[in-house]
Amino acid sequence: MVAPVAMNPFRRWVVLDEGEEYRVGEFDWLRSPRIRYDDLIAFRTSAEDPRAASARAVPEARRFLSWARFPFFRITERATGVDVEIIDARYAVEADAPFGALSVTLPR
């Protein structure tokens, strides 16, 4: 996916789907090289993890995943339960983003 960046017609946000990973980078018409992955962020999609499957069953997560095109999961074990962050790489790379991310807490 290649998407525009606000306020700069020469830059684009790039998400490459490589099966198990998404690679996030930037395309810029005015730089050389035009595609940069210096700040490469590669995510394991973790879709097959049983904890991700449990999070997907939560109604709020089902709604989020119905429109997410590049979802990935970050899973954190805590004493109180399991936090599953579902993030759509089109919009965010962090779970605390104002849009494009959802956090689900599963009980132990």
PDB file of N, CA and C in Angstrom:
ATOM      1  N   MET A   1       0.836  -1.155   0.000  1.00  0.00           N
ATOM      2  CA  MET A   1       0.000   0.000   0.000  1.00  0.00           C
ATOM      3  C   MET A   1       0.888   1.227   0.000  1.00  0.00           C
ATOM      4  N   VAL A   2       0.486   2.208  -0.761  1.00  0.00           N
ATOM      5  CA  VAL A   2       1.173   3.497  -0.777  1.00  0.00           C
ATOM      6  C   VAL A   2       0.117   4.556  -0.520  1.00  0.00           C
ATOM      7  N   ALA A   3       0.322   5.372   0.511  1.00  0.00           N
ATOM      8  CA  ALA A   3      -0.671   6.373   0.893  1.00  0.00           C
ATOM      9  C   ALA A   3      -0.017   7.744   1.016  1.00  0.00           C
ATOM     10  N   PRO A   4      -0.772   8.784   0.736  1.00  0.00           N
ATOM     11  CA  PRO A   4      -0.219  10.134   0.871  1.00  0.00           C
ATOM     12  C   PRO A   4       0.062  10.488   2.325  1.00  0.00           C
ATOM     13  N   VAL A   5       0.979  11.420   2.502  1.00  0.00           N
ATOM     14  CA  VAL A   5       1.318  11.961   3.817  1.00  0.00           C
ATOM     15  C   VAL A   5       0.758  13.381   3.857  1.00  0.00           C
ATOM     16  N   ALA A   6       0.146  13.752   4.948  1.00  0.00           N
ATOM     17  CA  ALA A   6      -0.465  15.080   5.063  1.00  0.00           C
ATOM     18  C   ALA A   6       0.546  16.192   4.805  1.00  0.00           C
ATOM     19  N   MET A   7       0.123  17.165   4.050  1.00  0.00           N
ATOM     20  CA  MET A   7       0.869  18.408   3.817  1.00  0.00           C
ATOM     21  C   MET A   7       2.143  18.244   2.990  1.00  0.00           C
ATOM     22  N   ASN A   8       2.376  17.085   2.382  1.00  0.00           N
ATOM     23  CA  ASN A   8       3.572  16.929   1.559  1.00  0.00           C
ATOM     24  C   ASN A   8       3.236  16.047   0.346  1.00  0.00           C
ATOM     25  N   PRO A   9       3.015  16.637  -0.813  1.00  0.00           N
ATOM     26  CA  PRO A   9       2.630  15.851  -1.991  1.00  0.00           C
ATOM     27  C   PRO A   9       3.755  14.980  -2.549  1.00  0.00           C
ATOM     28  N   PHE A  10       4.968  15.145  -2.053  1.00  0.00           N
ATOM     29  CA  PHE A  10       6.101  14.385  -2.578  1.00  0.00           C
ATOM     30  C   PHE A  10       6.433  13.142  -1.771  1.00  0.00           C
ATOM     31  N   ARG A  11       5.822  13.000  -0.594  1.00  0.00           N
ATOM     32  CA  ARG A  11       6.085  11.842   0.266  1.00  0.00           C
ATOM     33  C   ARG A  11       4.895  10.905   0.289  1.00  0.00           C
ATOM     34  N   ARG A  12       5.195   9.622   0.541  1.00  0.00           N
ATOM     35  CA  ARG A  12       4.154   8.606   0.677  1.00  0.00           C
ATOM     36  C   ARG A  12       4.556   7.647   1.793  1.00  0.00           C
ATOM     37  N   TRP A  13       3.564   7.163   2.525  1.00  0.00           N
ATOM     38  CA  TRP A  13       3.718   6.120   3.536  1.00  0.00           C
ATOM     39  C   TRP A  13       3.591   4.799   2.800  1.00  0.00           C
ATOM     40  N   VAL A  14       4.494   3.853   3.045  1.00  0.00           N
ATOM     41  CA  VAL A  14       4.508   2.585   2.318  1.00  0.00           C
ATOM     42  C   VAL A  14       4.374   1.431   3.305  1.00  0.00           C
ATOM     43  N   VAL A  15       3.479   0.500   2.993  1.00  0.00           N
ATOM     44  CA  VAL A  15       3.339  -0.730   3.766  1.00  0.00           C
ATOM     45  C   VAL A  15       3.455  -1.890   2.781  1.00  0.00           C
ATOM     46  N   LEU A  16       4.439  -2.749   3.008  1.00  0.00           N
ATOM     47  CA  LEU A  16       4.619  -3.945   2.182  1.00  0.00           C
ATOM     48  C   LEU A  16       4.141  -5.151   2.961  1.00  0.00           C
ATOM     49  N   ASP A  17       3.279  -5.939   2.358  1.00  0.00           N
ATOM     50  CA  ASP A  17       2.790  -7.170   2.979  1.00  0.00           C
ATOM     51  C   ASP A  17       3.671  -8.307   2.489  1.00  0.00           C
ATOM     52  N   GLU A  18       4.474  -8.867   3.386  1.00  0.00           N
ATOM     53  CA  GLU A  18       5.384  -9.959   3.032  1.00  0.00           C
ATOM     54  C   GLU A  18       4.946 -11.261   3.694  1.00  0.00           C
ATOM     55  N   GLY A  19       3.644 -11.438   3.837  1.00  0.00           N
ATOM     56  CA  GLY A  19       3.126 -12.674   4.410  1.00  0.00           C
ATOM     57  C   GLY A  19       3.139 -12.643   5.923  1.00  0.00           C
ATOM     58  N   GLU A  20       4.239 -13.038   6.516  1.00  0.00           N
ATOM     59  CA  GLU A  20       4.361 -13.059   7.974  1.00  0.00           C
ATOM     60  C   GLU A  20       4.700 -11.696   8.558  1.00  0.00           C
ATOM     61  N   GLU A  21       5.128 -10.768   7.722  1.00  0.00           N
ATOM     62  CA  GLU A  21       5.551  -9.456   8.212  1.00  0.00           C
ATOM     63  C   GLU A  21       4.986  -8.351   7.339  1.00  0.00           C
ATOM     64  N   TYR A  22       4.859  -7.189   7.954  1.00  0.00           N
ATOM     65  CA  TYR A  22       4.609  -5.955   7.220  1.00  0.00           C
ATOM     66  C   TYR A  22       5.862  -5.112   7.377  1.00  0.00           C
ATOM     67  N   ARG A  23       6.309  -4.535   6.293  1.00  0.00           N
ATOM     68  CA  ARG A  23       7.441  -3.608   6.361  1.00  0.00           C
ATOM     69  C   ARG A  23       6.900  -2.217   6.094  1.00  0.00           C
ATOM     70  N   VAL A  24       7.252  -1.290   6.966  1.00  0.00           N
ATOM     71  CA  VAL A  24       6.753   0.069   6.881  1.00  0.00           C
ATOM     72  C   VAL A  24       7.903   0.991   6.523  1.00  0.00           C
ATOM     73  N   GLY A  25       7.668   1.861   5.563  1.00  0.00           N
ATOM     74  CA  GLY A  25       8.717   2.780   5.152  1.00  0.00           C
ATOM     75  C   GLY A  25       8.145   4.036   4.526  1.00  0.00           C
ATOM     76  N   GLU A  26       8.982   4.699   3.766  1.00  0.00           N
ATOM     77  CA  GLU A  26       8.603   5.983   3.191  1.00  0.00           C
ATOM     78  C   GLU A  26       9.130   6.093   1.764  1.00  0.00           C
ATOM     79  N   PHE A  27       8.303   6.641   0.911  1.00  0.00           N
ATOM     80  CA  PHE A  27       8.698   6.955  -0.459  1.00  0.00           C
ATOM     81  C   PHE A  27       8.739   8.474  -0.564  1.00  0.00           C
ATOM     82  N   ASP A  28       9.813   9.015  -1.138  1.00  0.00           N
ATOM     83  CA  ASP A  28       9.939  10.465  -1.287  1.00  0.00           C
ATOM     84  C   ASP A  28      10.531  10.772  -2.660  1.00  0.00           C
ATOM     85  N   TRP A  29       9.756  11.490  -3.477  1.00  0.00           N
ATOM     86  CA  TRP A  29      10.206  11.825  -4.829  1.00  0.00           C
ATOM     87  C   TRP A  29      11.472  12.663  -4.830  1.00  0.00           C
ATOM     88  N   LEU A  30      11.730  13.433  -3.773  1.00  0.00           N
ATOM     89  CA  LEU A  30      12.836  14.392  -3.752  1.00  0.00           C
ATOM     90  C   LEU A  30      14.122  13.845  -3.139  1.00  0.00           C
ATOM     91  N   ARG A  31      14.112  12.627  -2.659  1.00  0.00           N
ATOM     92  CA  ARG A  31      15.307  12.039  -2.029  1.00  0.00           C
ATOM     93  C   ARG A  31      15.891  10.947  -2.897  1.00  0.00           C
ATOM     94  N   SER A  32      17.105  10.622  -2.581  1.00  0.00           N
ATOM     95  CA  SER A  32      17.739   9.463  -3.213  1.00  0.00           C
ATOM     96  C   SER A  32      18.375   8.642  -2.098  1.00  0.00           C
ATOM     97  N   PRO A  33      18.067   7.394  -1.967  1.00  0.00           N
ATOM     98  CA  PRO A  33      17.076   6.635  -2.736  1.00  0.00           C
ATOM     99  C   PRO A  33      15.664   7.093  -2.393  1.00  0.00           C
ATOM    100  N   ARG A  34      14.762   6.867  -3.325  1.00  0.00           N
ATOM    101  CA  ARG A  34      13.385   7.332  -3.139  1.00  0.00           C
ATOM    102  C   ARG A  34      12.628   6.524  -2.082  1.00  0.00           C
ATOM    103  N   ILE A  35      12.946   5.249  -1.954  1.00  0.00           N
ATOM    104  CA  ILE A  35      12.291   4.421  -0.938  1.00  0.00           C
ATOM    105  C   ILE A  35      13.286   4.172   0.186  1.00  0.00           C
ATOM    106  N   ARG A  36      12.864   4.486   1.410  1.00  0.00           N
ATOM    107  CA  ARG A  36      13.721   4.336   2.583  1.00  0.00           C
ATOM    108  C   ARG A  36      13.108   3.373   3.570  1.00  0.00           C
ATOM    109  N   TYR A  37      13.950   2.535   4.079  1.00  0.00           N
ATOM    110  CA  TYR A  37      13.564   1.655   5.183  1.00  0.00           C
ATOM    111  C   TYR A  37      14.574   1.787   6.311  1.00  0.00           C
ATOM    112  N   ASP A  38      15.215   2.961   6.432  1.00  0.00           N
ATOM    113  CA  ASP A  38      16.166   3.208   7.523  1.00  0.00           C
ATOM    114  C   ASP A  38      15.473   2.996   8.864  1.00  0.00           C
ATOM    115  N   ASP A  39      14.270   3.504   8.978  1.00  0.00           N
ATOM    116  CA  ASP A  39      13.491   3.373  10.201  1.00  0.00           C
ATOM    117  C   ASP A  39      12.530   2.197  10.059  1.00  0.00           C
ATOM    118  N   LEU A  40      13.031   1.138   9.457  1.00  0.00           N
ATOM    119  CA  LEU A  40      12.211  -0.029   9.156  1.00  0.00           C
ATOM    120  C   LEU A  40      11.563  -0.585  10.405  1.00  0.00           C
ATOM    121  N   ILE A  41      10.289  -0.827  10.295  1.00  0.00           N
ATOM    122  CA  ILE A  41       9.554  -1.485  11.365  1.00  0.00           C
ATOM    123  C   ILE A  41       8.943  -2.728  10.745  1.00  0.00           C
ATOM    124  N   ALA A  42       9.369  -3.883  11.175  1.00  0.00           N
ATOM    125  CA  ALA A  42       8.827  -5.137  10.650  1.00  0.00           C
ATOM    126  C   ALA A  42       8.041  -5.815  11.756  1.00  0.00           C
ATOM    127  N   PHE A  43       6.848  -6.209  11.458  1.00  0.00           N
ATOM    128  CA  PHE A  43       5.972  -6.802  12.454  1.00  0.00           C
ATOM    129  C   PHE A  43       5.650  -8.233  12.088  1.00  0.00           C
ATOM    130  N   ARG A  44       5.680  -9.103  13.042  1.00  0.00           N
ATOM    131  CA  ARG A  44       5.096 -10.428  12.862  1.00  0.00           C
ATOM    132  C   ARG A  44       3.605 -10.236  13.001  1.00  0.00           C
ATOM    133  N   THR A  45       2.860 -10.743  12.104  1.00  0.00           N
ATOM    134  CA  THR A  45       1.418 -10.526  12.149  1.00  0.00           C
ATOM    135  C   THR A  45       0.780 -11.263  13.311  1.00  0.00           C
ATOM    136  N   SER A  46       1.365 -12.312  13.817  1.00  0.00           N
ATOM    137  CA  SER A  46       0.893 -13.056  14.991  1.00  0.00           C
ATOM    138  C   SER A  46      -0.555 -13.501  14.895  1.00  0.00           C
ATOM    139  N   ALA A  47      -1.083 -13.542  13.719  1.00  0.00           N
ATOM    140  CA  ALA A  47      -2.497 -13.883  13.548  1.00  0.00           C
ATOM    141  C   ALA A  47      -2.813 -15.297  14.013  1.00  0.00           C
ATOM    142  N   GLU A  48      -1.844 -16.184  13.986  1.00  0.00           N
ATOM    143  CA  GLU A  48      -2.086 -17.577  14.358  1.00  0.00           C
ATOM    144  C   GLU A  48      -1.945 -17.828  15.856  1.00  0.00           C
ATOM    145  N   ASP A  49      -1.465 -16.857  16.609  1.00  0.00           N
ATOM    146  CA  ASP A  49      -1.303 -17.011  18.049  1.00  0.00           C
ATOM    147  C   ASP A  49      -2.681 -17.219  18.684  1.00  0.00           C
ATOM    148  N   PRO A  50      -2.848 -18.197  19.578  1.00  0.00           N
ATOM    149  CA  PRO A  50      -4.157 -18.431  20.204  1.00  0.00           C
ATOM    150  C   PRO A  50      -4.688 -17.222  20.967  1.00  0.00           C
ATOM    151  N   ARG A  51      -3.792 -16.414  21.524  1.00  0.00           N
ATOM    152  CA  ARG A  51      -4.237 -15.213  22.239  1.00  0.00           C
ATOM    153  C   ARG A  51      -4.815 -14.189  21.272  1.00  0.00           C
ATOM    154  N   ALA A  52      -4.233 -14.104  20.079  1.00  0.00           N
ATOM    155  CA  ALA A  52      -4.789 -13.215  19.047  1.00  0.00           C
ATOM    156  C   ALA A  52      -6.148 -13.726  18.598  1.00  0.00           C
ATOM    157  N   ALA A  53      -6.287 -15.042  18.485  1.00  0.00           N
ATOM    158  CA  ALA A  53      -7.579 -15.630  18.104  1.00  0.00           C
ATOM    159  C   ALA A  53      -8.643 -15.308  19.150  1.00  0.00           C
ATOM    160  N   SER A  54      -8.283 -15.372  20.417  1.00  0.00           N
ATOM    161  CA  SER A  54      -9.227 -15.032  21.483  1.00  0.00           C
ATOM    162  C   SER A  54      -9.627 -13.558  21.417  1.00  0.00           C
ATOM    163  N   ALA A  55      -8.657 -12.700  21.145  1.00  0.00           N
ATOM    164  CA  ALA A  55      -8.948 -11.262  21.033  1.00  0.00           C
ATOM    165  C   ALA A  55      -9.847 -10.982  19.836  1.00  0.00           C
ATOM    166  N   ARG A  56      -9.635 -11.692  18.741  1.00  0.00           N
ATOM    167  CA  ARG A  56     -10.467 -11.489  17.545  1.00  0.00           C
ATOM    168  C   ARG A  56     -11.935 -11.823  17.805  1.00  0.00           C
ATOM    169  N   ALA A  57     -12.211 -12.665  18.791  1.00  0.00           N
ATOM    170  CA  ALA A  57     -13.586 -13.062  19.101  1.00  0.00           C
ATOM    171  C   ALA A  57     -14.357 -11.981  19.863  1.00  0.00           C
ATOM    172  N   VAL A  58     -13.660 -11.004  20.417  1.00  0.00           N
ATOM    173  CA  VAL A  58     -14.311  -9.910  21.145  1.00  0.00           C
ATOM    174  C   VAL A  58     -15.055  -9.037  20.126  1.00  0.00           C
ATOM    175  N   PRO A  59     -16.334  -8.701  20.390  1.00  0.00           N
ATOM    176  CA  PRO A  59     -17.119  -7.951  19.402  1.00  0.00           C
ATOM    177  C   PRO A  59     -16.452  -6.671  18.890  1.00  0.00           C
ATOM    178  N   GLU A  60     -15.843  -5.893  19.789  1.00  0.00           N
ATOM    179  CA  GLU A  60     -15.174  -4.658  19.369  1.00  0.00           C
ATOM    180  C   GLU A  60     -14.033  -4.959  18.392  1.00  0.00           C
ATOM    181  N   ALA A  61     -13.291  -6.038  18.654  1.00  0.00           N
ATOM    182  CA  ALA A  61     -12.192  -6.430  17.770  1.00  0.00           C
ATOM    183  C   ALA A  61     -12.728  -6.922  16.425  1.00  0.00           C
ATOM    184  N   ARG A  62     -13.824  -7.654  16.444  1.00  0.00           N
ATOM    185  CA  ARG A  62     -14.425  -8.107  15.175  1.00  0.00           C
ATOM    186  C   ARG A  62     -14.792  -6.916  14.300  1.00  0.00           C
ATOM    187  N   ARG A  63     -15.382  -5.884  14.916  1.00  0.00           N
ATOM    188  CA  ARG A  63     -15.731  -4.682  14.148  1.00  0.00           C
ATOM    189  C   ARG A  63     -14.484  -4.003  13.601  1.00  0.00           C
ATOM    190  N   PHE A  64     -13.446  -3.879  14.438  1.00  0.00           N
ATOM    191  CA  PHE A  64     -12.195  -3.247  13.998  1.00  0.00           C
ATOM    192  C   PHE A  64     -11.576  -4.029  12.838  1.00  0.00           C
ATOM    193  N   LEU A  65     -11.526  -5.336  12.982  1.00  0.00           N
ATOM    194  CA  LEU A  65     -10.892  -6.177  11.959  1.00  0.00           C
ATOM    195  C   LEU A  65     -11.715  -6.274  10.679  1.00  0.00           C
ATOM    196  N   SER A  66     -12.989  -5.908  10.721  1.00  0.00           N
ATOM    197  CA  SER A  66     -13.805  -5.967   9.505  1.00  0.00           C
ATOM    198  C   SER A  66     -13.352  -4.943   8.472  1.00  0.00           C
ATOM    199  N   TRP A  67     -12.689  -3.871   8.893  1.00  0.00           N
ATOM    200  CA  TRP A  67     -12.206  -2.876   7.934  1.00  0.00           C
ATOM    201  C   TRP A  67     -10.680  -2.747   7.901  1.00  0.00           C
ATOM    202  N   ALA A  68      -9.974  -3.338   8.859  1.00  0.00           N
ATOM    203  CA  ALA A  68      -8.504  -3.258   8.879  1.00  0.00           C
ATOM    204  C   ALA A  68      -7.926  -4.064   7.718  1.00  0.00           C
ATOM    205  N   ARG A  69      -7.033  -3.462   6.955  1.00  0.00           N
ATOM    206  CA  ARG A  69      -6.421  -4.155   5.819  1.00  0.00           C
ATOM    207  C   ARG A  69      -5.064  -4.759   6.153  1.00  0.00           C
ATOM    208  N   PHE A  70      -4.333  -4.127   7.053  1.00  0.00           N
ATOM    209  CA  PHE A  70      -2.995  -4.605   7.414  1.00  0.00           C
ATOM    210  C   PHE A  70      -2.887  -4.759   8.929  1.00  0.00           C
ATOM    211  N   PRO A  71      -3.713  -5.632   9.519  1.00  0.00           N
ATOM    212  CA  PRO A  71      -3.684  -5.764  10.978  1.00  0.00           C
ATOM    213  C   PRO A  71      -2.491  -6.597  11.460  1.00  0.00           C
ATOM    214  N   PHE A  72      -1.939  -6.161  12.562  1.00  0.00           N
ATOM    215  CA  PHE A  72      -0.935  -6.974  13.245  1.00  0.00           C
ATOM    216  C   PHE A  72      -1.221  -6.903  14.731  1.00  0.00           C
ATOM    217  N   PHE A  73      -0.663  -7.843  15.467  1.00  0.00           N
ATOM    218  CA  PHE A  73      -0.984  -8.010  16.882  1.00  0.00           C
ATOM    219  C   PHE A  73       0.288  -7.909  17.709  1.00  0.00           C
ATOM    220  N   ARG A  74       0.198  -7.186  18.823  1.00  0.00           N
ATOM    221  CA  ARG A  74       1.260  -7.171  19.834  1.00  0.00           C
ATOM    222  C   ARG A  74       0.647  -7.745  21.092  1.00  0.00           C
ATOM    223  N   ILE A  75       1.301  -8.730  21.642  1.00  0.00           N
ATOM    224  CA  ILE A  75       0.750  -9.453  22.782  1.00  0.00           C
ATOM    225  C   ILE A  75       1.668  -9.282  23.984  1.00  0.00           C
ATOM    226  N   THR A  76       1.082  -8.855  25.105  1.00  0.00           N
ATOM    227  CA  THR A  76       1.851  -8.633  26.327  1.00  0.00           C
ATOM    228  C   THR A  76       1.177  -9.386  27.466  1.00  0.00           C
ATOM    229  N   GLU A  77       1.930 -10.268  28.106  1.00  0.00           N
ATOM    230  CA  GLU A  77       1.435 -11.005  29.281  1.00  0.00           C
ATOM    231  C   GLU A  77       1.584 -10.115  30.503  1.00  0.00           C
ATOM    232  N   ARG A  78       0.533 -10.025  31.291  1.00  0.00           N
ATOM    233  CA  ARG A  78       0.548  -9.264  32.534  1.00  0.00           C
ATOM    234  C   ARG A  78       0.014 -10.155  33.650  1.00  0.00           C
ATOM    235  N   ALA A  79       0.226  -9.759  34.889  1.00  0.00           N
ATOM    236  CA  ALA A  79      -0.267 -10.547  36.022  1.00  0.00           C
ATOM    237  C   ALA A  79      -1.797 -10.596  36.029  1.00  0.00           C
ATOM    238  N   THR A  80      -2.422  -9.538  35.540  1.00  0.00           N
ATOM    239  CA  THR A  80      -3.877  -9.452  35.565  1.00  0.00           C
ATOM    240  C   THR A  80      -4.551 -10.052  34.331  1.00  0.00           C
ATOM    241  N   GLY A  81      -3.791 -10.324  33.296  1.00  0.00           N
ATOM    242  CA  GLY A  81      -4.352 -10.865  32.058  1.00  0.00           C
ATOM    243  C   GLY A  81      -3.400 -10.681  30.897  1.00  0.00           C
ATOM    244  N   VAL A  82      -3.942 -10.756  29.716  1.00  0.00           N
ATOM    245  CA  VAL A  82      -3.140 -10.629  28.497  1.00  0.00           C
ATOM    246  C   VAL A  82      -3.645  -9.422  27.714  1.00  0.00           C
ATOM    247  N   ASP A  83      -2.755  -8.498  27.412  1.00  0.00           N
ATOM    248  CA  ASP A  83      -3.103  -7.356  26.570  1.00  0.00           C
ATOM    249  C   ASP A  83      -2.783  -7.717  25.126  1.00  0.00           C
ATOM    250  N   VAL A  84      -3.775  -7.594  24.271  1.00  0.00           N
ATOM    251  CA  VAL A  84      -3.585  -7.826  22.842  1.00  0.00           C
ATOM    252  C   VAL A  84      -3.870  -6.510  22.142  1.00  0.00           C
ATOM    253  N   GLU A  85      -2.851  -5.954  21.540  1.00  0.00           N
ATOM    254  CA  GLU A  85      -3.004  -4.719  20.779  1.00  0.00           C
ATOM    255  C   GLU A  85      -3.158  -5.099  19.316  1.00  0.00           C
ATOM    256  N   ILE A  86      -4.216  -4.598  18.698  1.00  0.00           N
ATOM    257  CA  ILE A  86      -4.472  -4.846  17.286  1.00  0.00           C
ATOM    258  C   ILE A  86      -4.279  -3.505  16.585  1.00  0.00           C
ATOM    259  N   ILE A  87      -3.366  -3.475  15.635  1.00  0.00           N
ATOM    260  CA  ILE A  87      -2.994  -2.223  14.988  1.00  0.00           C
ATOM    261  C   ILE A  87      -3.075  -2.416  13.477  1.00  0.00           C
ATOM    262  N   ASP A  88      -3.657  -1.456  12.781  1.00  0.00           N
ATOM    263  CA  ASP A  88      -3.705  -1.481  11.321  1.00  0.00           C
ATOM    264  C   ASP A  88      -2.534  -0.639  10.811  1.00  0.00           C
ATOM    265  N   ALA A  89      -1.584  -1.277  10.140  1.00  0.00           N
ATOM    266  CA  ALA A  89      -0.369  -0.610   9.686  1.00  0.00           C
ATOM    267  C   ALA A  89      -0.638   0.492   8.667  1.00  0.00           C
ATOM    268  N   ARG A  90      -1.842   0.567   8.116  1.00  0.00           N
ATOM    269  CA  ARG A  90      -2.171   1.681   7.214  1.00  0.00           C
ATOM    270  C   ARG A  90      -2.146   3.005   7.957  1.00  0.00           C
ATOM    271  N   TYR A  91      -2.480   2.979   9.245  1.00  0.00           N
ATOM    272  CA  TYR A  91      -2.676   4.210   9.996  1.00  0.00           C
ATOM    273  C   TYR A  91      -1.734   4.392  11.167  1.00  0.00           C
ATOM    274  N   ALA A  92      -1.196   3.317  11.714  1.00  0.00           N
ATOM    275  CA  ALA A  92      -0.438   3.433  12.956  1.00  0.00           C
ATOM    276  C   ALA A  92       0.596   2.327  13.057  1.00  0.00           C
ATOM    277  N   VAL A  93       1.584   2.548  13.915  1.00  0.00           N
ATOM    278  CA  VAL A  93       2.532   1.499  14.268  1.00  0.00           C
ATOM    279  C   VAL A  93       2.580   1.303  15.779  1.00  0.00           C
ATOM    280  N   GLU A  94       1.877   2.168  16.501  1.00  0.00           N
ATOM    281  CA  GLU A  94       1.822   2.082  17.960  1.00  0.00           C
ATOM    282  C   GLU A  94       0.375   1.933  18.408  1.00  0.00           C
ATOM    283  N   ALA A  95       0.170   1.212  19.488  1.00  0.00           N
ATOM    284  CA  ALA A  95      -1.180   0.957  19.991  1.00  0.00           C
ATOM    285  C   ALA A  95      -1.840   2.195  20.576  1.00  0.00           C
ATOM    286  N   ASP A  96      -1.057   3.198  20.975  1.00  0.00           N
ATOM    287  CA  ASP A  96      -1.661   4.398  21.563  1.00  0.00           C
ATOM    288  C   ASP A  96      -1.990   5.455  20.515  1.00  0.00           C
ATOM    289  N   ALA A  97      -1.959   5.078  19.247  1.00  0.00           N
ATOM    290  CA  ALA A  97      -2.314   6.013  18.180  1.00  0.00           C
ATOM    291  C   ALA A  97      -3.781   6.418  18.323  1.00  0.00           C
ATOM    292  N   PRO A  98      -4.117   7.655  17.943  1.00  0.00           N
ATOM    293  CA  PRO A  98      -5.501   8.100  18.093  1.00  0.00           C
ATOM    294  C   PRO A  98      -6.467   7.420  17.126  1.00  0.00           C
ATOM    295  N   PHE A  99      -5.952   6.793  16.087  1.00  0.00           N
ATOM    296  CA  PHE A  99      -6.802   6.116  15.104  1.00  0.00           C
ATOM    297  C   PHE A  99      -6.031   4.919  14.557  1.00  0.00           C
ATOM    298  N   GLY A 100      -6.732   3.845  14.273  1.00  0.00           N
ATOM    299  CA  GLY A 100      -6.097   2.686  13.639  1.00  0.00           C
ATOM    300  C   GLY A 100      -5.542   1.651  14.595  1.00  0.00           C
ATOM    301  N   ALA A 101      -5.919   1.740  15.864  1.00  0.00           N
ATOM    302  CA  ALA A 101      -5.419   0.767  16.842  1.00  0.00           C
ATOM    303  C   ALA A 101      -6.486   0.486  17.885  1.00  0.00           C
ATOM    304  N   LEU A 102      -6.434  -0.715  18.426  1.00  0.00           N
ATOM    305  CA  LEU A 102      -7.391  -1.146  19.446  1.00  0.00           C
ATOM    306  C   LEU A 102      -6.657  -2.049  20.432  1.00  0.00           C
ATOM    307  N   SER A 103      -6.959  -1.903  21.703  1.00  0.00           N
ATOM    308  CA  SER A 103      -6.357  -2.757  22.723  1.00  0.00           C
ATOM    309  C   SER A 103      -7.458  -3.578  23.385  1.00  0.00           C
ATOM    310  N   VAL A 104      -7.219  -4.882  23.503  1.00  0.00           N
ATOM    311  CA  VAL A 104      -8.152  -5.802  24.132  1.00  0.00           C
ATOM    312  C   VAL A 104      -7.424  -6.489  25.282  1.00  0.00           C
ATOM    313  N   THR A 105      -8.044  -6.518  26.470  1.00  0.00           N
ATOM    314  CA  THR A 105      -7.458  -7.220  27.604  1.00  0.00           C
ATOM    315  C   THR A 105      -8.239  -8.499  27.833  1.00  0.00           C
ATOM    316  N   LEU A 106      -7.526  -9.614  27.804  1.00  0.00           N
ATOM    317  CA  LEU A 106      -8.129 -10.924  28.031  1.00  0.00           C
ATOM    318  C   LEU A 106      -7.827 -11.359  29.460  1.00  0.00           C
ATOM    319  N   PRO A 107      -8.803 -11.928  30.147  1.00  0.00           N
ATOM    320  CA  PRO A 107      -8.536 -12.408  31.502  1.00  0.00           C
ATOM    321  C   PRO A 107      -7.629 -13.632  31.465  1.00  0.00           C
ATOM    322  N   ARG A 108      -6.979 -13.910  32.551  1.00  0.00           N
ATOM    323  CA  ARG A 108      -6.118 -15.101  32.645  1.00  0.00           C
ATOM    324  C   ARG A 108      -6.952 -16.343  32.687  1.00  0.00           C
TER     325      ARG A 108
END
